Amino acid sequence: MTGAVAASSGRLAAAMTHDIGLDKARLVVELGPGTGVFTEAVLRRIPPAARLVAIELNADLADRLAATHRDGRLSVVHGAAADLAEFADGPVDAVVSGLPWTVMPARTREHTLDVVAKSLAPGGRFTTFAYTHAAWTPPGRALAAALRDRFPTVERTSTVWPNVPPAFVYRARGS
């Protein structure tokens, strides 16, 4: 259920939330918020009237996130990322994902990415990260291909070296 060896760094959170339209978003969904590093970065960037729905599979992490982040714009949901359409009541302007794509079963990864792509508003953005050392493994290549199959635009940032382990960000735009 948890794919990280350490909490993501503030630098990775900044890269994840940079240039994805959060300043104009009405509805943002975060998949796998874990300890809330990305949650905090999203909340700093979204407008006062926006909403952030954070979907966490681990009940303990969901409870801890809800208890430590008392922002009226945030709703923490204990559930599966693939069920995001039932938790988000409308087109999603941005999806920020901390999910461990390369260690989840391929069928789950593919289904969840399908749901993400279908849930985005026109021109909506999807952002996720991958560990640099795993980019060339078969699961890493499968993730890159799955993103290219579902989104007309997929960009990859440079490596965020201060993260443990070093990572990069994928930024995708929906049609």
N, C-alpha and C. Protein backbone atom coordinates (compact mmCIF):
# COMPACT_ATOMS: atom_id res chain seq x y z
N MET A 1 0.81 -1.21 0.00
CA MET A 1 0.00 0.00 0.00
C MET A 1 0.85 1.26 0.00
N THR A 2 2.07 1.20 0.51
CA THR A 2 2.95 2.35 0.51
C THR A 2 4.17 2.01 -0.32
N GLY A 3 4.47 2.86 -1.31
CA GLY A 3 5.57 2.55 -2.22
C GLY A 3 6.79 3.41 -2.01
N ALA A 4 6.80 4.32 -1.04
CA ALA A 4 7.92 5.22 -0.84
C ALA A 4 8.87 4.69 0.21
N VAL A 5 10.16 4.98 0.00
CA VAL A 5 11.15 4.61 1.01
C VAL A 5 11.32 5.75 2.01
N ALA A 6 10.94 6.96 1.63
CA ALA A 6 11.00 8.13 2.50
C ALA A 6 9.95 9.12 2.01
N ALA A 7 9.56 10.03 2.88
CA ALA A 7 8.60 11.06 2.46
C ALA A 7 9.21 11.90 1.35
N SER A 8 8.38 12.33 0.42
CA SER A 8 8.86 13.17 -0.67
C SER A 8 9.36 14.49 -0.13
N SER A 9 10.33 15.06 -0.82
CA SER A 9 10.93 16.31 -0.38
C SER A 9 10.07 17.51 -0.79
N GLY A 10 10.33 18.63 -0.14
CA GLY A 10 9.68 19.88 -0.51
C GLY A 10 10.00 20.28 -1.93
N ARG A 11 11.20 19.96 -2.38
CA ARG A 11 11.59 20.29 -3.77
C ARG A 11 10.78 19.47 -4.77
N LEU A 12 10.55 18.20 -4.45
CA LEU A 12 9.72 17.38 -5.34
C LEU A 12 8.29 17.90 -5.32
N ALA A 13 7.80 18.29 -4.15
CA ALA A 13 6.44 18.84 -4.06
C ALA A 13 6.32 20.10 -4.90
N ALA A 14 7.33 20.94 -4.88
CA ALA A 14 7.31 22.16 -5.70
C ALA A 14 7.29 21.81 -7.18
N ALA A 15 8.08 20.82 -7.58
CA ALA A 15 8.10 20.41 -8.98
C ALA A 15 6.76 19.79 -9.40
N MET A 16 6.15 19.05 -8.48
CA MET A 16 4.87 18.40 -8.78
C MET A 16 3.75 19.41 -8.98
N THR A 17 3.80 20.52 -8.30
CA THR A 17 2.69 21.48 -8.32
C THR A 17 2.98 22.70 -9.18
N HIS A 18 4.15 22.76 -9.79
CA HIS A 18 4.53 23.89 -10.64
C HIS A 18 3.88 23.79 -12.02
N ASP A 19 3.34 24.89 -12.48
CA ASP A 19 2.88 25.02 -13.87
C ASP A 19 1.81 24.00 -14.27
N ILE A 20 0.88 23.70 -13.34
CA ILE A 20 -0.22 22.80 -13.70
C ILE A 20 -1.57 23.49 -13.52
N GLY A 21 -1.58 24.80 -13.44
CA GLY A 21 -2.82 25.55 -13.39
C GLY A 21 -3.52 25.57 -12.06
N LEU A 22 -2.82 25.30 -10.98
CA LEU A 22 -3.47 25.27 -9.67
C LEU A 22 -4.01 26.63 -9.27
N ASP A 23 -3.40 27.70 -9.73
CA ASP A 23 -3.84 29.05 -9.36
C ASP A 23 -5.23 29.38 -9.90
N LYS A 24 -5.70 28.63 -10.90
CA LYS A 24 -7.03 28.86 -11.49
C LYS A 24 -7.98 27.68 -11.29
N ALA A 25 -7.51 26.67 -10.58
CA ALA A 25 -8.29 25.43 -10.41
C ALA A 25 -9.50 25.65 -9.50
N ARG A 26 -10.55 24.90 -9.81
CA ARG A 26 -11.74 24.86 -8.95
C ARG A 26 -11.77 23.55 -8.18
N LEU A 27 -11.35 22.47 -8.83
CA LEU A 27 -11.35 21.15 -8.21
C LEU A 27 -10.05 20.43 -8.53
N VAL A 28 -9.34 20.03 -7.48
CA VAL A 28 -8.09 19.29 -7.61
C VAL A 28 -8.25 17.99 -6.84
N VAL A 29 -7.74 16.91 -7.39
CA VAL A 29 -7.74 15.61 -6.71
C VAL A 29 -6.29 15.20 -6.50
N GLU A 30 -6.00 14.75 -5.29
CA GLU A 30 -4.69 14.19 -5.01
C GLU A 30 -4.85 12.71 -4.74
N LEU A 31 -4.06 11.91 -5.43
CA LEU A 31 -4.10 10.46 -5.27
C LEU A 31 -2.90 10.03 -4.44
N GLY A 32 -3.15 9.32 -3.35
CA GLY A 32 -2.08 8.83 -2.50
C GLY A 32 -1.33 9.93 -1.79
N PRO A 33 -2.01 10.76 -1.01
CA PRO A 33 -1.34 11.88 -0.36
C PRO A 33 -0.35 11.49 0.74
N GLY A 34 -0.47 10.29 1.27
CA GLY A 34 0.49 9.85 2.28
C GLY A 34 0.57 10.80 3.45
N THR A 35 1.75 11.33 3.71
CA THR A 35 1.96 12.22 4.85
C THR A 35 1.58 13.67 4.57
N GLY A 36 1.24 13.99 3.33
CA GLY A 36 0.73 15.33 3.03
C GLY A 36 1.71 16.34 2.47
N VAL A 37 2.87 15.90 2.04
CA VAL A 37 3.85 16.84 1.48
C VAL A 37 3.29 17.53 0.24
N PHE A 38 2.69 16.77 -0.67
CA PHE A 38 2.10 17.38 -1.86
C PHE A 38 0.83 18.15 -1.50
N THR A 39 0.09 17.63 -0.53
CA THR A 39 -1.14 18.30 -0.08
C THR A 39 -0.85 19.73 0.32
N GLU A 40 0.17 19.92 1.13
CA GLU A 40 0.54 21.26 1.57
C GLU A 40 0.91 22.15 0.40
N ALA A 41 1.65 21.62 -0.56
CA ALA A 41 2.04 22.41 -1.73
C ALA A 41 0.82 22.80 -2.56
N VAL A 42 -0.12 21.87 -2.73
CA VAL A 42 -1.34 22.18 -3.48
C VAL A 42 -2.14 23.26 -2.75
N LEU A 43 -2.33 23.11 -1.46
CA LEU A 43 -3.12 24.09 -0.70
C LEU A 43 -2.51 25.48 -0.76
N ARG A 44 -1.19 25.58 -0.84
CA ARG A 44 -0.54 26.89 -0.98
C ARG A 44 -0.83 27.54 -2.32
N ARG A 45 -1.13 26.74 -3.35
CA ARG A 45 -1.26 27.26 -4.71
C ARG A 45 -2.70 27.44 -5.19
N ILE A 46 -3.67 26.73 -4.59
CA ILE A 46 -5.04 26.84 -5.11
C ILE A 46 -5.74 28.08 -4.53
N PRO A 47 -6.73 28.62 -5.27
CA PRO A 47 -7.47 29.78 -4.80
C PRO A 47 -8.33 29.46 -3.56
N PRO A 48 -8.76 30.49 -2.86
CA PRO A 48 -9.57 30.29 -1.65
C PRO A 48 -10.88 29.52 -1.90
N ALA A 49 -11.46 29.65 -3.09
CA ALA A 49 -12.73 28.98 -3.37
C ALA A 49 -12.56 27.58 -3.97
N ALA A 50 -11.33 27.16 -4.20
CA ALA A 50 -11.08 25.84 -4.80
C ALA A 50 -11.25 24.74 -3.76
N ARG A 51 -11.37 23.51 -4.27
CA ARG A 51 -11.47 22.34 -3.40
C ARG A 51 -10.37 21.35 -3.76
N LEU A 52 -9.85 20.68 -2.72
CA LEU A 52 -8.88 19.61 -2.89
C LEU A 52 -9.44 18.36 -2.25
N VAL A 53 -9.59 17.31 -3.06
CA VAL A 53 -10.04 16.01 -2.56
C VAL A 53 -8.82 15.09 -2.56
N ALA A 54 -8.41 14.66 -1.38
CA ALA A 54 -7.25 13.78 -1.23
C ALA A 54 -7.73 12.36 -0.97
N ILE A 55 -7.38 11.43 -1.84
CA ILE A 55 -7.83 10.05 -1.75
C ILE A 55 -6.67 9.17 -1.32
N GLU A 56 -6.80 8.57 -0.14
CA GLU A 56 -5.73 7.76 0.44
C GLU A 56 -6.25 6.36 0.77
N LEU A 57 -5.55 5.34 0.29
CA LEU A 57 -5.95 3.95 0.52
C LEU A 57 -5.64 3.48 1.94
N ASN A 58 -4.57 3.99 2.52
CA ASN A 58 -4.16 3.59 3.86
C ASN A 58 -4.98 4.37 4.89
N ALA A 59 -5.82 3.67 5.64
CA ALA A 59 -6.73 4.32 6.59
C ALA A 59 -5.99 5.14 7.64
N ASP A 60 -4.87 4.63 8.14
CA ASP A 60 -4.10 5.36 9.16
C ASP A 60 -3.57 6.68 8.59
N LEU A 61 -3.03 6.62 7.38
CA LEU A 61 -2.52 7.84 6.76
C LEU A 61 -3.65 8.83 6.47
N ALA A 62 -4.79 8.33 6.02
CA ALA A 62 -5.94 9.20 5.75
C ALA A 62 -6.38 9.90 7.03
N ASP A 63 -6.48 9.15 8.13
CA ASP A 63 -6.88 9.74 9.41
C ASP A 63 -5.87 10.78 9.87
N ARG A 64 -4.60 10.47 9.75
CA ARG A 64 -3.55 11.40 10.18
C ARG A 64 -3.57 12.67 9.33
N LEU A 65 -3.75 12.52 8.02
CA LEU A 65 -3.81 13.68 7.13
C LEU A 65 -4.99 14.57 7.48
N ALA A 66 -6.14 13.97 7.71
CA ALA A 66 -7.34 14.75 8.07
C ALA A 66 -7.15 15.47 9.40
N ALA A 67 -6.47 14.84 10.33
CA ALA A 67 -6.27 15.44 11.65
C ALA A 67 -5.25 16.57 11.64
N THR A 68 -4.27 16.49 10.75
CA THR A 68 -3.19 17.48 10.76
C THR A 68 -3.39 18.62 9.76
N HIS A 69 -4.31 18.48 8.84
CA HIS A 69 -4.54 19.52 7.83
C HIS A 69 -5.97 20.03 7.96
N ARG A 70 -6.14 21.04 8.73
CA ARG A 70 -7.47 21.61 9.00
C ARG A 70 -7.72 22.79 8.09
N ASP A 71 -7.87 22.54 6.82
CA ASP A 71 -8.14 23.57 5.83
C ASP A 71 -9.51 23.25 5.24
N GLY A 72 -10.42 24.20 5.25
CA GLY A 72 -11.78 23.97 4.77
C GLY A 72 -11.86 23.58 3.31
N ARG A 73 -10.81 23.81 2.56
CA ARG A 73 -10.80 23.44 1.13
C ARG A 73 -10.47 21.97 0.93
N LEU A 74 -9.97 21.31 1.97
CA LEU A 74 -9.49 19.93 1.87
C LEU A 74 -10.51 18.93 2.38
N SER A 75 -10.77 17.91 1.57
CA SER A 75 -11.56 16.75 1.99
C SER A 75 -10.67 15.53 1.85
N VAL A 76 -10.47 14.80 2.92
CA VAL A 76 -9.66 13.58 2.89
C VAL A 76 -10.61 12.40 2.85
N VAL A 77 -10.37 11.52 1.88
CA VAL A 77 -11.23 10.35 1.67
C VAL A 77 -10.39 9.10 1.79
N HIS A 78 -10.88 8.14 2.57
CA HIS A 78 -10.24 6.82 2.62
C HIS A 78 -10.84 6.00 1.50
N GLY A 79 -10.04 5.69 0.49
CA GLY A 79 -10.56 4.93 -0.63
C GLY A 79 -9.48 4.68 -1.66
N ALA A 80 -9.89 4.03 -2.73
CA ALA A 80 -8.98 3.69 -3.82
C ALA A 80 -8.94 4.80 -4.87
N ALA A 81 -7.75 5.04 -5.40
CA ALA A 81 -7.58 6.08 -6.41
C ALA A 81 -8.47 5.85 -7.63
N ALA A 82 -8.68 4.60 -7.99
CA ALA A 82 -9.51 4.29 -9.16
C ALA A 82 -10.96 4.70 -8.98
N ASP A 83 -11.36 5.00 -7.75
CA ASP A 83 -12.73 5.44 -7.48
C ASP A 83 -12.84 6.96 -7.44
N LEU A 84 -11.87 7.66 -8.00
CA LEU A 84 -11.87 9.11 -7.89
C LEU A 84 -13.12 9.76 -8.47
N ALA A 85 -13.71 9.17 -9.49
CA ALA A 85 -14.91 9.77 -10.09
C ALA A 85 -16.07 9.83 -9.09
N GLU A 86 -16.13 8.89 -8.16
CA GLU A 86 -17.22 8.93 -7.18
C GLU A 86 -16.94 9.94 -6.07
N PHE A 87 -15.68 10.31 -5.86
CA PHE A 87 -15.33 11.26 -4.81
C PHE A 87 -15.28 12.70 -5.31
N ALA A 88 -15.05 12.88 -6.60
CA ALA A 88 -14.98 14.22 -7.20
C ALA A 88 -16.28 14.46 -7.95
N ASP A 89 -17.01 15.48 -7.56
CA ASP A 89 -18.33 15.70 -8.14
C ASP A 89 -18.28 16.66 -9.33
N GLY A 90 -17.49 16.32 -10.30
CA GLY A 90 -17.42 17.13 -11.51
C GLY A 90 -16.07 16.98 -12.18
N PRO A 91 -15.89 17.69 -13.29
CA PRO A 91 -14.61 17.60 -14.00
C PRO A 91 -13.48 18.14 -13.11
N VAL A 92 -12.37 17.46 -13.15
CA VAL A 92 -11.23 17.78 -12.30
C VAL A 92 -10.23 18.62 -13.10
N ASP A 93 -9.83 19.74 -12.52
CA ASP A 93 -8.89 20.63 -13.20
C ASP A 93 -7.46 20.10 -13.14
N ALA A 94 -7.12 19.43 -12.06
CA ALA A 94 -5.77 18.87 -11.92
C ALA A 94 -5.81 17.65 -11.01
N VAL A 95 -5.02 16.66 -11.36
CA VAL A 95 -4.82 15.48 -10.52
C VAL A 95 -3.33 15.41 -10.20
N VAL A 96 -3.02 15.39 -8.92
CA VAL A 96 -1.65 15.29 -8.43
C VAL A 96 -1.53 13.91 -7.79
N SER A 97 -0.58 13.12 -8.27
CA SER A 97 -0.51 11.74 -7.81
C SER A 97 0.83 11.40 -7.17
N GLY A 98 0.74 10.84 -5.97
CA GLY A 98 1.90 10.29 -5.30
C GLY A 98 1.88 8.77 -5.30
N LEU A 99 1.09 8.19 -6.19
CA LEU A 99 0.95 6.73 -6.21
C LEU A 99 2.22 6.04 -6.70
N PRO A 100 2.51 4.86 -6.17
CA PRO A 100 3.69 4.10 -6.60
C PRO A 100 3.39 3.28 -7.86
N TRP A 101 3.27 3.95 -8.98
CA TRP A 101 2.83 3.33 -10.24
C TRP A 101 3.66 2.11 -10.63
N THR A 102 4.96 2.15 -10.41
CA THR A 102 5.82 1.07 -10.91
C THR A 102 5.79 -0.19 -10.05
N VAL A 103 5.19 -0.11 -8.87
CA VAL A 103 5.10 -1.32 -8.04
C VAL A 103 3.68 -1.86 -7.94
N MET A 104 2.72 -1.16 -8.51
CA MET A 104 1.34 -1.67 -8.45
C MET A 104 1.09 -2.64 -9.61
N PRO A 105 0.13 -3.52 -9.45
CA PRO A 105 -0.18 -4.45 -10.54
C PRO A 105 -0.55 -3.69 -11.81
N ALA A 106 -0.10 -4.21 -12.95
CA ALA A 106 -0.32 -3.53 -14.23
C ALA A 106 -1.80 -3.25 -14.48
N ARG A 107 -2.64 -4.18 -14.17
CA ARG A 107 -4.08 -4.00 -14.40
C ARG A 107 -4.63 -2.83 -13.59
N THR A 108 -4.19 -2.71 -12.35
CA THR A 108 -4.62 -1.60 -11.47
C THR A 108 -4.10 -0.27 -12.01
N ARG A 109 -2.82 -0.25 -12.40
CA ARG A 109 -2.22 0.96 -12.97
C ARG A 109 -2.99 1.43 -14.20
N GLU A 110 -3.25 0.51 -15.10
CA GLU A 110 -3.92 0.87 -16.36
C GLU A 110 -5.34 1.39 -16.10
N HIS A 111 -6.07 0.70 -15.23
CA HIS A 111 -7.44 1.12 -14.92
C HIS A 111 -7.44 2.50 -14.24
N THR A 112 -6.55 2.70 -13.29
CA THR A 112 -6.51 3.97 -12.58
C THR A 112 -6.15 5.11 -13.53
N LEU A 113 -5.19 4.89 -14.42
CA LEU A 113 -4.84 5.94 -15.40
C LEU A 113 -6.00 6.23 -16.35
N ASP A 114 -6.76 5.20 -16.72
CA ASP A 114 -7.96 5.44 -17.55
C ASP A 114 -8.94 6.35 -16.82
N VAL A 115 -9.17 6.08 -15.54
CA VAL A 115 -10.10 6.88 -14.75
C VAL A 115 -9.59 8.33 -14.63
N VAL A 116 -8.31 8.49 -14.39
CA VAL A 116 -7.74 9.83 -14.29
C VAL A 116 -7.97 10.59 -15.59
N ALA A 117 -7.63 9.98 -16.71
CA ALA A 117 -7.78 10.66 -18.01
C ALA A 117 -9.23 11.05 -18.28
N LYS A 118 -10.17 10.19 -17.94
CA LYS A 118 -11.59 10.48 -18.17
C LYS A 118 -12.14 11.52 -17.21
N SER A 119 -11.53 11.67 -16.04
CA SER A 119 -12.03 12.59 -15.02
C SER A 119 -11.58 14.03 -15.23
N LEU A 120 -10.55 14.22 -16.04
CA LEU A 120 -10.02 15.57 -16.23
C LEU A 120 -10.95 16.45 -17.06
N ALA A 121 -11.06 17.70 -16.65
CA ALA A 121 -11.76 18.70 -17.45
C ALA A 121 -10.96 18.91 -18.74
N PRO A 122 -11.57 19.46 -19.79
CA PRO A 122 -10.80 19.75 -21.01
C PRO A 122 -9.58 20.60 -20.67
N GLY A 123 -8.42 20.14 -21.12
CA GLY A 123 -7.18 20.85 -20.83
C GLY A 123 -6.66 20.64 -19.43
N GLY A 124 -7.31 19.77 -18.64
CA GLY A 124 -6.88 19.51 -17.27
C GLY A 124 -5.50 18.89 -17.23
N ARG A 125 -4.87 18.98 -16.08
CA ARG A 125 -3.50 18.52 -15.95
C ARG A 125 -3.39 17.34 -14.98
N PHE A 126 -2.47 16.45 -15.30
CA PHE A 126 -2.15 15.32 -14.45
C PHE A 126 -0.66 15.35 -14.18
N THR A 127 -0.27 15.22 -12.93
CA THR A 127 1.15 15.21 -12.59
C THR A 127 1.43 14.07 -11.63
N THR A 128 2.54 13.40 -11.86
CA THR A 128 2.99 12.31 -11.01
C THR A 128 4.51 12.27 -11.08
N PHE A 129 5.11 11.45 -10.25
CA PHE A 129 6.56 11.36 -10.28
C PHE A 129 7.01 9.92 -10.38
N ALA A 130 8.27 9.76 -10.72
CA ALA A 130 8.89 8.44 -10.78
C ALA A 130 10.32 8.58 -10.28
N TYR A 131 10.82 7.54 -9.69
CA TYR A 131 12.21 7.55 -9.23
C TYR A 131 13.13 7.36 -10.42
N THR A 132 14.15 8.16 -10.47
CA THR A 132 15.07 8.15 -11.60
C THR A 132 15.68 6.77 -11.83
N HIS A 133 16.05 6.09 -10.76
CA HIS A 133 16.70 4.79 -10.91
C HIS A 133 15.78 3.73 -11.52
N ALA A 134 14.48 3.95 -11.45
CA ALA A 134 13.52 2.95 -11.96
C ALA A 134 12.96 3.30 -13.34
N ALA A 135 13.37 4.42 -13.89
CA ALA A 135 12.78 4.88 -15.16
C ALA A 135 12.99 3.89 -16.31
N TRP A 136 14.08 3.17 -16.30
CA TRP A 136 14.39 2.30 -17.43
C TRP A 136 14.04 0.84 -17.17
N THR A 137 13.43 0.57 -16.03
CA THR A 137 12.98 -0.79 -15.75
C THR A 137 11.71 -1.05 -16.57
N PRO A 138 11.33 -2.30 -16.76
CA PRO A 138 10.08 -2.56 -17.50
C PRO A 138 8.86 -1.83 -16.90
N PRO A 139 8.64 -1.82 -15.57
CA PRO A 139 7.49 -1.07 -15.05
C PRO A 139 7.62 0.44 -15.30
N GLY A 140 8.83 0.96 -15.23
CA GLY A 140 9.04 2.39 -15.50
C GLY A 140 8.73 2.73 -16.95
N ARG A 141 9.17 1.90 -17.86
CA ARG A 141 8.87 2.12 -19.29
C ARG A 141 7.38 1.94 -19.56
N ALA A 142 6.75 0.99 -18.85
CA ALA A 142 5.30 0.78 -19.01
C ALA A 142 4.52 2.01 -18.55
N LEU A 143 4.96 2.64 -17.45
CA LEU A 143 4.29 3.85 -17.00
C LEU A 143 4.41 4.96 -18.03
N ALA A 144 5.60 5.18 -18.55
CA ALA A 144 5.81 6.23 -19.56
C ALA A 144 4.93 5.98 -20.79
N ALA A 145 4.87 4.73 -21.23
CA ALA A 145 4.04 4.40 -22.40
C ALA A 145 2.56 4.60 -22.09
N ALA A 146 2.13 4.21 -20.89
CA ALA A 146 0.72 4.37 -20.51
C ALA A 146 0.33 5.84 -20.48
N LEU A 147 1.22 6.69 -20.03
CA LEU A 147 0.93 8.13 -20.03
C LEU A 147 0.82 8.66 -21.46
N ARG A 148 1.75 8.27 -22.32
CA ARG A 148 1.71 8.72 -23.73
C ARG A 148 0.46 8.21 -24.44
N ASP A 149 -0.03 7.03 -24.07
CA ASP A 149 -1.24 6.47 -24.68
C ASP A 149 -2.50 7.23 -24.30
N ARG A 150 -2.50 7.88 -23.14
CA ARG A 150 -3.72 8.50 -22.62
C ARG A 150 -3.76 10.02 -22.71
N PHE A 151 -2.61 10.65 -22.85
CA PHE A 151 -2.56 12.10 -22.83
C PHE A 151 -1.86 12.62 -24.07
N PRO A 152 -2.43 13.66 -24.71
CA PRO A 152 -1.81 14.19 -25.93
C PRO A 152 -0.46 14.86 -25.68
N THR A 153 -0.24 15.36 -24.47
CA THR A 153 1.02 16.01 -24.13
C THR A 153 1.55 15.43 -22.83
N VAL A 154 2.77 14.94 -22.86
CA VAL A 154 3.43 14.43 -21.66
C VAL A 154 4.85 15.00 -21.64
N GLU A 155 5.18 15.69 -20.55
CA GLU A 155 6.52 16.24 -20.37
C GLU A 155 7.17 15.56 -19.19
N ARG A 156 8.49 15.53 -19.21
CA ARG A 156 9.26 14.97 -18.10
C ARG A 156 10.25 16.04 -17.64
N THR A 157 10.26 16.34 -16.35
CA THR A 157 11.17 17.35 -15.83
C THR A 157 12.58 16.78 -15.67
N SER A 158 13.48 17.64 -15.35
CA SER A 158 14.82 17.18 -14.98
C SER A 158 14.73 16.51 -13.60
N THR A 159 15.78 15.83 -13.23
CA THR A 159 15.79 15.10 -11.96
C THR A 159 15.81 16.06 -10.78
N VAL A 160 15.02 15.75 -9.78
CA VAL A 160 15.02 16.47 -8.51
C VAL A 160 15.98 15.70 -7.61
N TRP A 161 17.23 16.13 -7.59
CA TRP A 161 18.28 15.41 -6.88
C TRP A 161 18.12 15.45 -5.37
N PRO A 162 17.59 16.54 -4.76
CA PRO A 162 17.47 16.54 -3.30
C PRO A 162 16.40 15.60 -2.74
N ASN A 163 15.69 14.89 -3.59
CA ASN A 163 14.71 13.93 -3.11
C ASN A 163 15.41 12.60 -2.83
N VAL A 164 14.88 11.83 -1.89
CA VAL A 164 15.43 10.51 -1.57
C VAL A 164 14.39 9.45 -1.88
N PRO A 165 14.62 8.60 -2.89
CA PRO A 165 15.68 8.70 -3.88
C PRO A 165 15.37 9.80 -4.90
N PRO A 166 16.36 10.21 -5.71
CA PRO A 166 16.11 11.23 -6.72
C PRO A 166 14.95 10.82 -7.64
N ALA A 167 14.18 11.82 -8.05
CA ALA A 167 12.98 11.56 -8.85
C ALA A 167 12.82 12.64 -9.91
N PHE A 168 11.92 12.39 -10.84
CA PHE A 168 11.52 13.40 -11.82
C PHE A 168 10.01 13.40 -11.88
N VAL A 169 9.46 14.42 -12.52
CA VAL A 169 8.02 14.60 -12.58
C VAL A 169 7.53 14.45 -14.01
N TYR A 170 6.43 13.73 -14.17
CA TYR A 170 5.70 13.71 -15.44
C TYR A 170 4.56 14.71 -15.31
N ARG A 171 4.41 15.57 -16.31
CA ARG A 171 3.28 16.49 -16.39
C ARG A 171 2.55 16.19 -17.69
N ALA A 172 1.28 15.86 -17.56
CA ALA A 172 0.47 15.50 -18.73
C ALA A 172 -0.73 16.43 -18.82
N ARG A 173 -1.16 16.70 -20.02
CA ARG A 173 -2.33 17.55 -20.26
C ARG A 173 -3.40 16.71 -20.93
N GLY A 174 -4.61 16.81 -20.41
CA GLY A 174 -5.75 16.10 -21.01
C GLY A 174 -6.21 16.80 -22.28
N SER A 175 -7.05 16.12 -23.04
CA SER A 175 -7.53 16.71 -24.30
C SER A 175 -8.72 17.61 -24.07
